[in-house]
């Protein structure tokens, strides 16, 4: 069963939004101020048409099992992009898919000429935070930019 990494398309919007919201419920972070209530979650293919952005999906046997992307969030410093919406389904965790998606997104950031990658997360997502730290992300004491995800309370930055 090969995993395919590909860019999001309009036909993926519903399944991707359902996957993201299922995972947020699983970790009990399905609350206002997160992508759970963000209206763009239902139309990610359109959101990621924005210049300097990309969203990658992991698909196995026609089923979306993960996603991650980069987005030039308003208010970030020049040359900085946000790593956004990194999620992997429960059944696909521990297989390196999240790391693969993160690396593909960081490659996209480099392709677009960004020199820093910022992210927001939650302390409940310990495995993801550990993966970010291993990739070189460092914790920050306050958020950057204006993501609108005020419930997030872990902020990290990677200098490329």
C-alpha atoms as a PDB file:
ATOM      1  CA  UNK A   1       0.000   0.000   0.000  1.00  0.00           C
ATOM      2  CA  UNK A   2       1.912   3.001  -1.283  1.00  0.00           C
ATOM      3  CA  UNK A   3       1.362   6.445   0.135  1.00  0.00           C
ATOM      4  CA  UNK A   4       1.119   9.231  -2.429  1.00  0.00           C
ATOM      5  CA  UNK A   5       1.976  12.847  -1.573  1.00  0.00           C
ATOM      6  CA  UNK A   6       0.169  15.358  -3.775  1.00  0.00           C
ATOM      7  CA  UNK A   7      -1.242  18.874  -3.756  1.00  0.00           C
ATOM      8  CA  UNK A   8      -4.795  19.431  -2.588  1.00  0.00           C
ATOM      9  CA  UNK A   9      -7.592  19.751  -5.161  1.00  0.00           C
ATOM     10  CA  UNK A  10     -11.168  21.034  -4.839  1.00  0.00           C
ATOM     11  CA  UNK A  11     -12.490  17.456  -4.744  1.00  0.00           C
ATOM     12  CA  UNK A  12     -10.462  16.890  -1.546  1.00  0.00           C
ATOM     13  CA  UNK A  13     -12.020  19.699   0.499  1.00  0.00           C
ATOM     14  CA  UNK A  14     -14.778  17.749   2.249  1.00  0.00           C
ATOM     15  CA  UNK A  15     -12.659  14.709   3.177  1.00  0.00           C
ATOM     16  CA  UNK A  16      -9.769  16.895   4.325  1.00  0.00           C
ATOM     17  CA  UNK A  17     -12.004  19.057   6.541  1.00  0.00           C
ATOM     18  CA  UNK A  18     -13.596  15.923   8.046  1.00  0.00           C
ATOM     19  CA  UNK A  19     -10.150  14.433   8.777  1.00  0.00           C
ATOM     20  CA  UNK A  20      -8.940  17.639  10.456  1.00  0.00           C
ATOM     21  CA  UNK A  21     -12.034  18.008  12.630  1.00  0.00           C
ATOM     22  CA  UNK A  22     -11.970  14.318  13.620  1.00  0.00           C
ATOM     23  CA  UNK A  23      -8.370  14.692  14.813  1.00  0.00           C
ATOM     24  CA  UNK A  24      -9.128  17.898  16.732  1.00  0.00           C
ATOM     25  CA  UNK A  25     -12.011  16.115  18.503  1.00  0.00           C
ATOM     26  CA  UNK A  26      -9.725  13.159  19.260  1.00  0.00           C
ATOM     27  CA  UNK A  27      -7.275  15.443  21.074  1.00  0.00           C
ATOM     28  CA  UNK A  28     -10.095  17.505  22.638  1.00  0.00           C
ATOM     29  CA  UNK A  29      -8.927  20.724  20.991  1.00  0.00           C
ATOM     30  CA  UNK A  30     -12.105  21.190  18.942  1.00  0.00           C
ATOM     31  CA  UNK A  31     -12.822  24.708  20.178  1.00  0.00           C
ATOM     32  CA  UNK A  32     -13.130  28.296  18.988  1.00  0.00           C
ATOM     33  CA  UNK A  33      -9.852  29.913  18.040  1.00  0.00           C
ATOM     34  CA  UNK A  34      -8.638  26.816  16.166  1.00  0.00           C
ATOM     35  CA  UNK A  35      -8.994  25.517  12.630  1.00  0.00           C
ATOM     36  CA  UNK A  36     -11.991  23.557  13.965  1.00  0.00           C
ATOM     37  CA  UNK A  37     -14.163  26.676  13.668  1.00  0.00           C
ATOM     38  CA  UNK A  38     -12.122  28.423  10.967  1.00  0.00           C
ATOM     39  CA  UNK A  39     -14.365  28.745   7.873  1.00  0.00           C
ATOM     40  CA  UNK A  40     -11.384  28.258   5.541  1.00  0.00           C
ATOM     41  CA  UNK A  41     -11.116  24.639   6.756  1.00  0.00           C
ATOM     42  CA  UNK A  42     -14.027  23.736   4.478  1.00  0.00           C
ATOM     43  CA  UNK A  43     -12.393  25.181   1.345  1.00  0.00           C
ATOM     44  CA  UNK A  44      -8.672  24.535   1.722  1.00  0.00           C
ATOM     45  CA  UNK A  45      -8.052  24.119  -2.001  1.00  0.00           C
ATOM     46  CA  UNK A  46      -9.103  27.732  -2.567  1.00  0.00           C
ATOM     47  CA  UNK A  47      -7.136  29.009   0.441  1.00  0.00           C
ATOM     48  CA  UNK A  48      -3.959  27.409  -0.885  1.00  0.00           C
ATOM     49  CA  UNK A  49      -4.283  29.059  -4.297  1.00  0.00           C
ATOM     50  CA  UNK A  50      -2.764  32.097  -2.534  1.00  0.00           C
ATOM     51  CA  UNK A  51       0.700  32.950  -3.922  1.00  0.00           C
ATOM     52  CA  UNK A  52       3.539  31.573  -1.815  1.00  0.00           C
ATOM     53  CA  UNK A  53       1.393  28.837  -0.279  1.00  0.00           C
ATOM     54  CA  UNK A  54       1.076  25.073  -0.779  1.00  0.00           C
ATOM     55  CA  UNK A  55      -0.907  22.268   0.857  1.00  0.00           C
ATOM     56  CA  UNK A  56       0.152  18.644   0.547  1.00  0.00           C
ATOM     57  CA  UNK A  57      -2.004  15.586   1.146  1.00  0.00           C
ATOM     58  CA  UNK A  58      -0.952  12.047   1.957  1.00  0.00           C
ATOM     59  CA  UNK A  59      -3.247   9.542   0.289  1.00  0.00           C
ATOM     60  CA  UNK A  60      -3.329   5.773   0.588  1.00  0.00           C
ATOM     61  CA  UNK A  61      -5.644   3.640  -1.535  1.00  0.00           C
ATOM     62  CA  UNK A  62      -7.729   6.696  -2.402  1.00  0.00           C
ATOM     63  CA  UNK A  63      -8.148   7.753   1.240  1.00  0.00           C
ATOM     64  CA  UNK A  64      -6.704  11.011   2.581  1.00  0.00           C
ATOM     65  CA  UNK A  65      -4.645  10.101   5.654  1.00  0.00           C
ATOM     66  CA  UNK A  66      -2.796  13.353   6.302  1.00  0.00           C
ATOM     67  CA  UNK A  67      -2.048  16.864   5.242  1.00  0.00           C
ATOM     68  CA  UNK A  68       0.323  19.767   5.833  1.00  0.00           C
ATOM     69  CA  UNK A  69       1.157  23.033   4.172  1.00  0.00           C
ATOM     70  CA  UNK A  70       2.672  26.473   4.296  1.00  0.00           C
ATOM     71  CA  UNK A  71       0.841  29.767   4.200  1.00  0.00           C
ATOM     72  CA  UNK A  72       2.104  33.381   4.252  1.00  0.00           C
ATOM     73  CA  UNK A  73       0.019  34.371   7.264  1.00  0.00           C
ATOM     74  CA  UNK A  74      -0.748  38.052   7.594  1.00  0.00           C
ATOM     75  CA  UNK A  75       1.542  39.895   9.999  1.00  0.00           C
ATOM     76  CA  UNK A  76       4.480  37.503   9.845  1.00  0.00           C
ATOM     77  CA  UNK A  77       7.925  39.078   9.400  1.00  0.00           C
ATOM     78  CA  UNK A  78       9.289  39.365   5.862  1.00  0.00           C
ATOM     79  CA  UNK A  79      10.710  36.034   4.685  1.00  0.00           C
ATOM     80  CA  UNK A  80       8.639  34.024   7.187  1.00  0.00           C
ATOM     81  CA  UNK A  81       5.852  31.587   6.339  1.00  0.00           C
ATOM     82  CA  UNK A  82       3.598  29.536   8.614  1.00  0.00           C
ATOM     83  CA  UNK A  83       3.595  25.730   8.668  1.00  0.00           C
ATOM     84  CA  UNK A  84      -0.118  24.996   8.861  1.00  0.00           C
ATOM     85  CA  UNK A  85      -2.641  22.240   9.311  1.00  0.00           C
ATOM     86  CA  UNK A  86      -0.324  19.278   9.883  1.00  0.00           C
ATOM     87  CA  UNK A  87      -2.596  16.349  10.634  1.00  0.00           C
ATOM     88  CA  UNK A  88      -2.349  12.597  10.227  1.00  0.00           C
ATOM     89  CA  UNK A  89      -5.186  10.153  10.812  1.00  0.00           C
ATOM     90  CA  UNK A  90      -4.956   7.938  13.892  1.00  0.00           C
ATOM     91  CA  UNK A  91      -4.373   4.791  11.809  1.00  0.00           C
ATOM     92  CA  UNK A  92      -1.482   6.359   9.911  1.00  0.00           C
ATOM     93  CA  UNK A  93       0.501   7.729  12.851  1.00  0.00           C
ATOM     94  CA  UNK A  94       3.924   6.357  13.714  1.00  0.00           C
ATOM     95  CA  UNK A  95       4.738   5.585  10.081  1.00  0.00           C
ATOM     96  CA  UNK A  96       6.671   8.760   9.248  1.00  0.00           C
ATOM     97  CA  UNK A  97       3.838  10.310   7.227  1.00  0.00           C
ATOM     98  CA  UNK A  98       3.644  13.453   9.363  1.00  0.00           C
ATOM     99  CA  UNK A  99       7.400  13.917   9.069  1.00  0.00           C
ATOM    100  CA  UNK A 100       7.214  13.399   5.306  1.00  0.00           C
ATOM    101  CA  UNK A 101       4.446  15.993   4.989  1.00  0.00           C
ATOM    102  CA  UNK A 102       6.330  18.457   7.199  1.00  0.00           C
ATOM    103  CA  UNK A 103       9.517  18.007   5.158  1.00  0.00           C
ATOM    104  CA  UNK A 104       7.619  18.462   1.878  1.00  0.00           C
ATOM    105  CA  UNK A 105       6.111  21.675   3.257  1.00  0.00           C
ATOM    106  CA  UNK A 106       9.514  22.964   4.400  1.00  0.00           C
ATOM    107  CA  UNK A 107      10.868  22.196   0.910  1.00  0.00           C
ATOM    108  CA  UNK A 108       8.007  24.300  -0.489  1.00  0.00           C
ATOM    109  CA  UNK A 109       8.982  27.149   1.858  1.00  0.00           C
ATOM    110  CA  UNK A 110      12.543  26.979   0.567  1.00  0.00           C
ATOM    111  CA  UNK A 111      11.293  26.839  -3.035  1.00  0.00           C
ATOM    112  CA  UNK A 112       9.342  30.071  -2.484  1.00  0.00           C
ATOM    113  CA  UNK A 113      12.413  31.735  -0.927  1.00  0.00           C
ATOM    114  CA  UNK A 114      11.277  31.897   2.692  1.00  0.00           C
ATOM    115  CA  UNK A 115      14.033  31.861   5.324  1.00  0.00           C
ATOM    116  CA  UNK A 116      11.924  31.134   8.407  1.00  0.00           C
ATOM    117  CA  UNK A 117       9.021  28.792   9.137  1.00  0.00           C
ATOM    118  CA  UNK A 118       6.675  29.564  12.032  1.00  0.00           C
ATOM    119  CA  UNK A 119       4.040  27.292  13.548  1.00  0.00           C
ATOM    120  CA  UNK A 120       1.356  27.280  16.214  1.00  0.00           C
ATOM    121  CA  UNK A 121       0.306  24.197  18.152  1.00  0.00           C
ATOM    122  CA  UNK A 122      -0.997  22.812  21.452  1.00  0.00           C
ATOM    123  CA  UNK A 123       0.797  21.097  24.336  1.00  0.00           C
ATOM    124  CA  UNK A 124      -1.588  18.126  23.889  1.00  0.00           C
ATOM    125  CA  UNK A 125       0.141  17.348  20.595  1.00  0.00           C
ATOM    126  CA  UNK A 126       3.311  16.032  22.238  1.00  0.00           C
ATOM    127  CA  UNK A 127       4.376  13.763  19.383  1.00  0.00           C
ATOM    128  CA  UNK A 128       4.091  16.589  16.865  1.00  0.00           C
ATOM    129  CA  UNK A 129       5.988  19.007  19.107  1.00  0.00           C
ATOM    130  CA  UNK A 130       8.766  16.452  19.536  1.00  0.00           C
ATOM    131  CA  UNK A 131       8.930  16.035  15.743  1.00  0.00           C
ATOM    132  CA  UNK A 132       9.139  19.815  15.293  1.00  0.00           C
ATOM    133  CA  UNK A 133      11.958  20.065  17.827  1.00  0.00           C
ATOM    134  CA  UNK A 134      13.898  17.258  16.082  1.00  0.00           C
ATOM    135  CA  UNK A 135      13.511  19.202  12.810  1.00  0.00           C
ATOM    136  CA  UNK A 136      15.118  22.252  14.436  1.00  0.00           C
ATOM    137  CA  UNK A 137      12.095  24.318  15.474  1.00  0.00           C
ATOM    138  CA  UNK A 138      12.663  26.382  18.643  1.00  0.00           C
ATOM    139  CA  UNK A 139       9.914  27.449  21.050  1.00  0.00           C
ATOM    140  CA  UNK A 140       8.931  31.095  21.191  1.00  0.00           C
ATOM    141  CA  UNK A 141       7.452  32.962  24.161  1.00  0.00           C
ATOM    142  CA  UNK A 142       4.717  34.675  22.123  1.00  0.00           C
ATOM    143  CA  UNK A 143       2.891  34.275  18.801  1.00  0.00           C
ATOM    144  CA  UNK A 144       3.897  35.852  15.501  1.00  0.00           C
ATOM    145  CA  UNK A 145       1.501  37.087  12.841  1.00  0.00           C
ATOM    146  CA  UNK A 146      -2.279  37.186  12.815  1.00  0.00           C
ATOM    147  CA  UNK A 147      -3.465  33.616  12.239  1.00  0.00           C
ATOM    148  CA  UNK A 148      -6.695  34.182  14.168  1.00  0.00           C
ATOM    149  CA  UNK A 149      -6.074  30.924  16.053  1.00  0.00           C
ATOM    150  CA  UNK A 150      -5.987  32.535  19.472  1.00  0.00           C
ATOM    151  CA  UNK A 151      -6.469  29.222  21.307  1.00  0.00           C
ATOM    152  CA  UNK A 152      -3.028  27.941  20.247  1.00  0.00           C
ATOM    153  CA  UNK A 153      -0.456  28.365  23.001  1.00  0.00           C
ATOM    154  CA  UNK A 154       2.687  26.730  21.612  1.00  0.00           C
ATOM    155  CA  UNK A 155       4.631  28.831  19.106  1.00  0.00           C
ATOM    156  CA  UNK A 156       7.781  27.674  17.319  1.00  0.00           C
ATOM    157  CA  UNK A 157      10.187  28.956  14.679  1.00  0.00           C
ATOM    158  CA  UNK A 158      12.591  27.243  12.295  1.00  0.00           C
ATOM    159  CA  UNK A 159      15.364  29.240  10.671  1.00  0.00           C
ATOM    160  CA  UNK A 160      16.143  27.737   7.262  1.00  0.00           C
END
